[in-house]
Protein backbone atom coordinates (compact mmCIF):
# COMPACT_ATOMS: atom_id res chain seq x y z
CA MET A 1 80.50 -199.00 63.04
CA ALA A 2 77.48 -197.90 60.81
CA THR A 3 76.19 -200.90 58.79
CA GLY A 4 76.58 -200.98 55.13
CA PRO A 5 73.43 -199.16 52.86
CA LEU A 6 73.46 -202.91 51.18
CA ASP A 7 73.60 -204.98 53.93
CA GLY A 8 70.76 -207.79 54.35
CA MET A 9 70.69 -208.07 50.42
CA ARG A 10 72.24 -210.58 48.29
CA VAL A 11 73.93 -210.82 44.91
CA LEU A 12 74.14 -213.24 42.39
CA ASP A 13 77.58 -212.67 40.22
CA PHE A 14 78.07 -214.41 37.01
CA THR A 15 80.60 -212.14 36.08
CA THR A 16 83.96 -212.30 35.09
CA THR A 17 87.40 -210.11 34.18
CA ILE A 18 86.95 -206.61 34.64
CA ALA A 19 83.64 -204.68 34.14
CA GLY A 20 81.07 -207.27 36.21
CA PRO A 21 83.38 -207.69 39.05
CA TYR A 22 84.07 -204.27 39.38
CA CYS A 23 80.56 -203.42 39.58
CA THR A 24 79.77 -206.31 41.88
CA ARG A 25 82.92 -205.31 44.28
CA LEU A 26 81.33 -201.83 44.68
CA MET A 27 78.02 -203.72 45.67
CA ALA A 28 80.27 -205.77 48.59
CA ASP A 29 81.83 -202.44 49.48
CA LEU A 30 78.25 -201.54 50.48
CA GLY A 31 77.79 -204.78 52.45
CA ALA A 32 75.67 -206.84 50.05
CA GLU A 33 76.46 -210.81 49.92
CA VAL A 34 77.92 -211.21 46.82
CA ILE A 35 78.09 -214.84 45.51
CA LYS A 36 80.45 -215.15 42.66
CA ILE A 37 79.55 -218.20 40.46
CA GLU A 38 82.76 -219.47 38.46
CA THR A 39 83.59 -222.15 36.01
CA ALA A 40 86.14 -225.06 36.95
CA GLU A 41 89.12 -223.15 35.58
CA GLY A 42 87.74 -219.95 37.63
CA ASP A 43 87.29 -216.36 36.61
CA MET A 44 90.56 -215.44 34.28
CA MET A 45 91.64 -212.72 36.72
CA ARG A 46 93.11 -215.22 38.75
CA THR A 47 95.69 -215.75 36.57
CA ARG A 48 96.62 -212.17 35.91
CA PRO A 49 99.89 -210.76 37.64
CA PRO A 50 101.30 -209.63 40.33
CA LEU A 51 100.94 -213.91 41.62
CA ARG A 52 101.89 -215.08 44.97
CA GLU A 53 101.37 -218.55 45.91
CA GLY A 54 99.15 -218.89 43.16
CA ALA A 55 96.78 -215.88 43.86
CA SER A 56 96.43 -212.84 42.11
CA THR A 57 96.26 -209.39 43.50
CA SER A 58 94.37 -208.44 40.71
CA PHE A 59 91.92 -210.84 41.11
CA GLY A 60 91.75 -209.55 44.58
CA GLN A 61 91.50 -206.27 44.03
CA LEU A 62 88.20 -206.67 41.74
CA ASN A 63 86.61 -209.71 44.05
CA ALA A 64 87.31 -208.79 47.46
CA GLY A 65 84.67 -209.46 49.90
CA LYS A 66 82.73 -212.21 47.85
CA HIS A 67 82.17 -215.75 48.24
CA SER A 68 82.79 -217.75 45.54
CA ILE A 69 81.23 -221.45 44.31
CA VAL A 70 82.07 -223.35 41.67
CA LEU A 71 79.45 -225.04 39.11
CA ASP A 72 79.10 -226.30 35.79
CA LEU A 73 76.05 -224.12 34.28
CA LYS A 74 75.87 -226.13 31.21
CA ARG A 75 74.32 -229.24 33.77
CA PRO A 76 70.51 -229.04 34.39
CA GLU A 77 70.91 -229.76 38.17
CA ALA A 78 73.67 -226.87 38.24
CA GLN A 79 70.85 -224.55 36.67
CA GLU A 80 68.20 -225.47 39.45
CA ILE A 81 71.06 -224.60 41.94
CA VAL A 82 70.59 -221.47 41.06
CA ARG A 83 66.91 -221.32 40.75
CA ARG A 84 67.08 -222.20 44.22
CA LEU A 85 69.77 -219.48 44.88
CA LEU A 86 67.33 -216.70 43.15
CA THR A 87 64.68 -217.21 45.38
CA THR A 88 67.14 -215.74 48.10
CA CYS A 89 68.71 -212.88 46.34
CA ASP A 90 67.96 -209.31 45.04
CA PHE A 91 70.60 -208.64 42.42
CA VAL A 92 71.85 -210.86 39.33
CA VAL A 93 74.88 -209.28 37.30
CA GLU A 94 75.88 -210.95 34.38
CA ASN A 95 78.49 -210.01 31.85
CA PHE A 96 78.02 -212.96 29.24
CA ARG A 97 77.76 -212.24 25.33
CA PRO A 98 74.03 -211.84 24.81
CA GLY A 99 72.12 -214.83 24.33
CA VAL A 100 74.30 -217.45 27.05
CA MET A 101 72.34 -216.64 29.60
CA ARG A 102 69.22 -217.84 27.56
CA ARG A 103 70.67 -221.18 27.14
CA PHE A 104 70.88 -221.76 30.41
CA GLY A 105 67.56 -221.25 30.93
CA LEU A 106 68.60 -218.13 33.45
CA ASP A 107 67.68 -214.93 31.11
CA HIS A 108 65.77 -211.85 32.98
CA GLU A 109 62.75 -212.84 30.71
CA THR A 110 62.66 -216.35 32.22
CA VAL A 111 63.78 -215.70 35.82
CA SER A 112 61.66 -213.00 36.26
CA LYS A 113 58.34 -214.61 35.91
CA ARG A 114 58.96 -216.14 39.34
CA HIS A 115 60.99 -213.11 40.80
CA GLN A 116 59.43 -210.21 39.55
CA GLU A 117 61.37 -207.98 42.50
CA LEU A 118 64.53 -208.99 41.25
CA ILE A 119 66.94 -206.44 39.38
CA TYR A 120 69.13 -208.01 36.89
CA CYS A 121 71.91 -206.10 35.18
CA SER A 122 73.54 -207.26 31.80
CA ILE A 123 77.06 -205.71 31.06
CA SER A 124 77.80 -206.26 27.31
CA GLY A 125 80.26 -204.72 24.62
CA TYR A 126 77.44 -203.53 22.40
CA GLY A 127 74.13 -203.94 24.52
CA GLN A 128 71.62 -207.19 24.34
CA THR A 129 70.23 -205.98 21.02
CA GLY A 130 70.84 -204.04 17.67
CA PRO A 131 72.91 -205.82 14.66
CA SER A 132 76.50 -205.66 16.84
CA SER A 133 75.49 -207.10 19.72
CA GLY A 134 76.65 -211.07 19.44
CA LEU A 135 80.18 -209.67 18.67
CA ALA A 136 82.36 -210.58 20.86
CA ALA A 137 83.69 -207.92 23.11
CA TYR A 138 86.67 -206.48 25.32
CA ALA A 139 87.85 -203.13 26.47
CA PRO A 140 90.86 -203.01 23.74
CA ALA A 141 88.66 -203.63 20.90
CA ILE A 142 85.70 -201.30 22.45
CA HIS A 143 88.03 -198.24 22.85
CA ALA A 144 88.96 -198.72 19.06
CA ALA A 145 85.36 -199.48 18.13
CA SER A 146 84.06 -196.05 19.73
CA GLY A 147 86.17 -193.76 18.16
CA PHE A 148 88.14 -193.07 21.59
CA ASP A 149 91.69 -194.22 20.70
CA LEU A 150 91.60 -191.73 17.37
CA ALA A 151 90.22 -189.12 19.52
CA HIS A 152 93.22 -189.46 21.97
CA MET A 153 95.51 -189.80 19.23
CA ALA A 154 94.54 -186.51 17.63
CA TYR A 155 95.94 -185.01 20.88
CA GLN A 156 99.42 -186.07 20.17
CA PRO A 157 100.77 -183.85 17.64
CA GLY A 158 103.03 -185.99 15.26
CA ARG A 159 101.77 -189.88 16.13
CA GLU A 160 100.34 -192.13 13.48
CA ARG A 161 99.81 -195.02 15.05
CA PRO A 162 97.46 -195.61 17.95
CA ASP A 163 98.71 -196.14 21.59
CA ASN A 164 99.09 -199.80 22.96
CA CYS A 165 96.29 -200.36 25.64
CA GLY A 166 97.41 -200.97 29.29
CA ILE A 167 94.70 -199.64 31.35
CA TYR A 168 91.09 -200.69 30.39
CA ILE A 169 88.66 -197.61 30.80
CA ALA A 170 85.67 -198.94 29.02
CA ASP A 171 85.72 -201.74 31.96
CA VAL A 172 85.92 -200.01 34.84
CA VAL A 173 83.67 -196.98 33.62
CA SER A 174 80.67 -199.76 32.55
CA GLY A 175 80.86 -201.19 35.74
CA THR A 176 80.32 -197.99 37.47
CA TYR A 177 77.81 -197.30 35.25
CA ALA A 178 75.94 -200.84 35.76
CA PHE A 179 76.16 -200.08 39.43
CA GLY A 180 74.66 -196.76 39.34
CA ALA A 181 72.12 -198.15 37.43
CA ILE A 182 71.49 -200.82 39.74
CA MET A 183 71.17 -198.49 42.70
CA ALA A 184 68.20 -195.99 40.49
CA ALA A 185 66.60 -199.53 39.93
CA LEU A 186 66.87 -200.26 43.71
CA ALA A 187 65.26 -196.75 44.44
CA GLN A 188 62.60 -197.66 42.17
CA ARG A 189 62.07 -201.17 43.36
CA HIS A 190 61.10 -199.14 47.26
CA LEU A 191 58.27 -197.50 45.26
CA THR A 192 56.95 -200.29 43.01
CA GLY A 193 57.70 -203.40 44.36
CA LEU A 194 59.37 -204.27 41.31
CA GLY A 195 62.45 -204.78 39.64
CA GLN A 196 63.80 -204.73 35.86
CA HIS A 197 66.43 -205.56 33.59
CA ILE A 198 69.38 -203.16 33.15
CA ASP A 199 71.42 -203.53 30.35
CA VAL A 200 74.81 -201.75 29.89
CA SER A 201 76.77 -201.05 26.75
CA MET A 202 80.17 -200.42 26.92
CA LEU A 203 80.22 -199.05 23.60
CA GLU A 204 78.05 -196.24 24.70
CA THR A 205 80.01 -196.01 27.78
CA MET A 206 82.60 -194.90 25.96
CA LEU A 207 80.98 -191.96 24.28
CA THR A 208 79.96 -190.64 27.04
CA LEU A 209 83.66 -189.79 27.68
CA MET A 210 83.97 -187.59 24.77
CA VAL A 211 82.34 -184.39 25.24
CA GLY A 212 83.24 -182.44 22.97
CA GLU A 213 84.30 -184.93 20.42
CA VAL A 214 80.82 -185.86 20.15
CA GLN A 215 79.82 -182.41 19.34
CA ALA A 216 82.85 -181.61 17.38
CA ALA A 217 81.67 -184.66 15.22
CA GLN A 218 78.20 -182.92 14.32
CA PHE A 219 79.56 -179.68 14.41
CA PRO A 220 82.99 -179.52 13.23
CA VAL A 221 85.41 -177.21 15.35
CA THR A 222 89.02 -175.68 14.05
CA PRO A 223 91.36 -177.60 16.32
CA PRO A 224 93.79 -175.05 18.44
CA GLY A 225 97.30 -175.16 17.22
CA ARG A 226 98.66 -176.83 19.95
CA PRO A 227 96.33 -179.55 22.44
CA MET A 228 95.38 -177.09 25.56
CA PHE A 229 96.13 -179.62 27.85
CA GLY A 230 99.50 -180.88 28.07
CA PRO A 231 102.83 -181.08 29.64
CA VAL A 232 105.01 -177.95 30.32
CA ARG A 233 108.79 -178.82 30.25
CA THR A 234 110.52 -177.60 33.67
CA LYS A 235 114.23 -177.75 34.01
CA ASP A 236 114.23 -181.24 35.66
CA GLY A 237 111.11 -182.65 33.73
CA PHE A 238 107.54 -181.84 33.21
CA ILE A 239 104.45 -180.41 34.77
CA MET A 240 100.67 -180.19 33.90
CA PRO A 241 98.83 -176.94 34.22
CA ALA A 242 95.13 -177.10 33.55
CA VAL A 243 93.84 -173.64 32.18
CA ALA A 244 90.55 -174.03 31.78
CA SER A 245 88.86 -170.59 32.99
CA GLU A 246 89.65 -167.04 32.67
CA LYS A 247 90.95 -166.76 36.12
CA THR A 248 93.48 -169.68 35.90
CA PHE A 249 95.07 -168.18 32.54
CA GLN A 250 94.93 -165.19 34.25
CA SER A 251 96.82 -166.79 37.58
CA LEU A 252 99.06 -168.70 35.14
CA CYS A 253 100.15 -165.52 33.95
CA GLN A 254 101.08 -163.86 37.54
CA ALA A 255 102.48 -166.93 38.41
CA ALA A 256 104.97 -167.28 35.68
CA GLY A 257 105.92 -163.39 36.14
CA HIS A 258 104.08 -162.09 32.86
CA PRO A 259 101.19 -160.26 33.82
CA GLU A 260 101.26 -158.63 30.46
CA TRP A 261 100.44 -161.81 28.92
CA ILE A 262 96.82 -161.33 30.00
CA THR A 263 96.61 -158.11 28.02
CA ASP A 264 98.48 -159.55 24.96
CA PRO A 265 96.15 -159.30 21.93
CA ARG A 266 97.22 -163.15 20.92
CA PHE A 267 95.84 -164.30 24.43
CA THR A 268 93.15 -161.80 26.06
CA LEU A 269 89.97 -163.50 24.22
CA TYR A 270 89.61 -167.33 24.92
CA PRO A 271 89.24 -167.66 20.60
CA ASP A 272 92.37 -165.72 20.14
CA ARG A 273 94.08 -167.56 23.23
CA ARG A 274 93.15 -171.21 21.70
CA SER A 275 94.52 -170.60 18.14
CA ASN A 276 97.94 -169.35 19.67
CA TRP A 277 98.19 -171.60 22.45
CA GLY A 278 101.44 -173.12 21.07
CA GLU A 279 102.90 -169.85 21.38
CA LEU A 280 101.70 -169.12 24.64
CA VAL A 281 102.96 -172.53 25.90
CA ASP A 282 106.41 -171.67 24.08
CA LEU A 283 106.41 -168.17 26.27
CA LEU A 284 105.66 -170.19 29.67
CA GLU A 285 108.47 -172.55 28.65
CA THR A 286 111.02 -169.55 28.79
CA TRP A 287 110.13 -169.21 32.60
CA SER A 288 109.29 -172.82 33.62
CA THR A 289 113.00 -174.33 32.05
CA THR A 290 114.63 -172.07 34.65
CA VAL A 291 113.02 -173.72 37.51
CA THR A 292 112.60 -177.18 38.89
CA THR A 293 109.50 -179.07 38.77
CA ALA A 294 108.67 -178.63 42.59
CA GLU A 295 109.62 -174.53 42.22
CA CYS A 296 107.12 -174.49 39.58
CA GLN A 297 104.26 -176.16 41.21
CA ALA A 298 104.79 -173.94 44.46
CA ALA A 299 104.56 -171.02 42.05
CA PHE A 300 101.24 -172.41 40.44
CA ASP A 301 99.75 -173.40 43.98
CA ALA A 302 100.62 -170.27 45.40
CA ALA A 303 98.60 -168.69 42.19
CA GLY A 304 95.78 -170.84 42.35
CA VAL A 305 96.83 -172.56 38.90
CA PRO A 306 95.21 -176.15 38.84
CA SER A 307 98.23 -178.31 38.01
CA SER A 308 100.36 -181.45 38.91
CA PRO A 309 103.64 -183.27 38.53
CA TYR A 310 103.67 -186.22 36.48
CA ARG A 311 103.62 -189.08 39.16
CA THR A 312 103.78 -192.60 38.97
CA VAL A 313 101.07 -195.05 40.48
CA LYS A 314 103.66 -196.10 43.22
CA GLU A 315 104.40 -192.22 44.07
CA VAL A 316 100.73 -191.60 44.49
CA LEU A 317 100.06 -194.74 47.11
CA ALA A 318 102.28 -193.02 49.17
CA ASP A 319 100.53 -189.57 49.03
CA PRO A 320 99.51 -188.63 52.67
CA GLN A 321 96.21 -187.18 50.90
CA LEU A 322 95.47 -190.99 50.49
CA ALA A 323 96.30 -191.93 53.85
CA HIS A 324 94.28 -189.17 55.68
CA ARG A 325 91.20 -190.10 53.73
CA GLY A 326 91.82 -193.80 54.65
CA ALA A 327 92.04 -194.60 50.49
CA LEU A 328 93.41 -198.07 50.76
CA THR A 329 92.17 -201.07 52.70
CA GLU A 330 94.48 -204.09 53.37
CA VAL A 331 93.11 -207.48 51.85
CA ASN A 332 94.02 -210.92 52.59
CA ASP A 333 94.03 -214.34 50.20
CA LYS A 334 96.16 -217.20 50.32
CA GLY A 335 99.06 -215.27 49.27
CA GLY A 336 99.54 -213.20 51.96
CA SER A 337 98.13 -209.43 52.18
CA PHE A 338 98.02 -206.84 49.76
CA LYS A 339 96.42 -203.07 49.37
CA VAL A 340 93.16 -202.52 47.59
CA VAL A 341 91.74 -198.78 46.30
CA ASN A 342 88.39 -198.42 48.52
CA PRO A 343 85.53 -196.92 46.76
CA PRO A 344 86.43 -193.20 45.96
CA PHE A 345 83.07 -191.77 47.91
CA ARG A 346 82.37 -191.82 51.53
CA LEU A 347 78.79 -191.54 53.02
CA SER A 348 78.18 -189.90 56.38
CA ALA A 349 75.99 -192.18 57.68
CA ALA A 350 76.97 -195.63 56.33
CA ARG A 351 80.47 -198.00 55.74
CA VAL A 352 81.68 -197.83 52.49
CA GLU A 353 84.91 -199.88 52.66
CA VAL A 354 86.48 -203.15 50.99
CA ALA A 355 86.01 -206.12 52.39
CA ARG A 356 89.57 -207.52 54.07
CA PHE A 357 89.54 -210.96 52.11
CA ALA A 358 89.24 -212.35 48.32
CA PRO A 359 88.26 -215.75 48.20
CA SER A 360 89.58 -218.84 46.56
CA LEU A 361 88.04 -220.91 43.93
CA GLY A 362 85.30 -222.38 45.39
CA GLN A 363 86.13 -221.80 48.65
CA HIS A 364 82.29 -221.49 49.96
CA SER A 365 80.69 -223.91 47.08
CA ARG A 366 79.32 -225.88 50.64
CA GLU A 367 78.07 -222.84 52.45
CA ILE A 368 76.24 -221.80 49.74
CA LEU A 369 74.35 -224.90 48.92
CA GLU A 370 73.62 -225.48 52.30
CA LEU A 371 71.96 -221.80 51.85
CA ALA A 372 70.13 -223.33 48.99
CA GLY A 373 68.39 -225.79 50.79
CA TYR A 374 70.93 -229.09 50.04
CA ALA A 375 71.36 -231.75 52.45
CA ALA A 376 74.90 -232.85 53.17
CA GLU A 377 74.60 -236.26 51.25
CA GLU A 378 72.80 -234.53 48.11
CA ILE A 379 76.21 -231.87 48.00
CA GLU A 380 78.64 -234.81 48.00
CA LYS A 381 76.70 -236.50 45.01
CA MET A 382 76.50 -233.54 43.14
CA SER A 383 80.68 -233.11 43.91
CA ALA A 384 80.88 -236.46 42.53
CA GLU A 385 78.92 -236.26 39.48
CA GLY A 386 80.83 -232.64 38.55
CA THR A 387 77.98 -230.61 39.00
CA VAL A 388 79.51 -228.56 41.43
CA VAL A 389 83.40 -228.32 42.66
CA LEU A 390 83.96 -228.39 46.58
CA ALA A 391 87.19 -226.31 47.70
């Protein structure tokens, strides 16, 4: 099997929860050795369900393939362990609140004096500088702060209360941007021999998702009479047609058996169609409610209309397309096995896949300390003093 693109490279991972761990798991998927530094309590995702024998599969999905060491970073001895490990590392990723790594003497400005080739990535809610940089942040608060929640609510007619948050978009997308920025910095290091500091803002991440909304905030746009991407009722449920071009509009009309809609003055031109979209959906549902969702989907597929029935995640995981793509890998931890989603990209000449294990807390403490050059008696002494916790 081909090697991973990051084989032979090492990451020092100070991240917790979702954004940072997702970034570093992608790096592990590409072959990097990721050393995850945890407190004695461990990453809080270790306690999140589903749990089997005390092991969290949510934690496992975000941290598969990493090596765990438990350090008390408030102790100078633990900080010295990190400094020793830095001599062997290519990357640092952290998502503490700005200023925390400086208090440990492990911020980019300090460590880069000795390690100019180090690529150092900081992920935070609002960025490393500025009037909001010191604020605490988790994804749900960032969704609200970015305008995303109210922008989303504007597409739900009749709603006055923003949606509850259960899917942490800001975390996953910020982790993905961090991963991409790290790869860009690595490419630049090949040219210059020098590393750099990467500053990822979750707030700015969310703004990148709202292309039309950012522009409409500057140049007001008359909203359509009804949101243009919404569920269409069928005989036994709902379906989502994504009509985003002239071709797909015409194909929708043909699929519904009403080609005359194409030349209807209310719909022929995009501006008029946008203004009268509610009327078009009402007409469409006079047909779609006479057929099942499966029959409606078959008609849309035959006409080339991008569309899908609404599915549960459990249904999606059983999709033959995912099986064909090898989209899931089985991972093992102390609770047994579970499936994890591989990166959504493939490389033709390199291995990209989740490793098949998730670490228990402090599982690799001893071997990581040996990597840093500590002898057995030193390791036992640090364990007795509470600087490090051995599994």
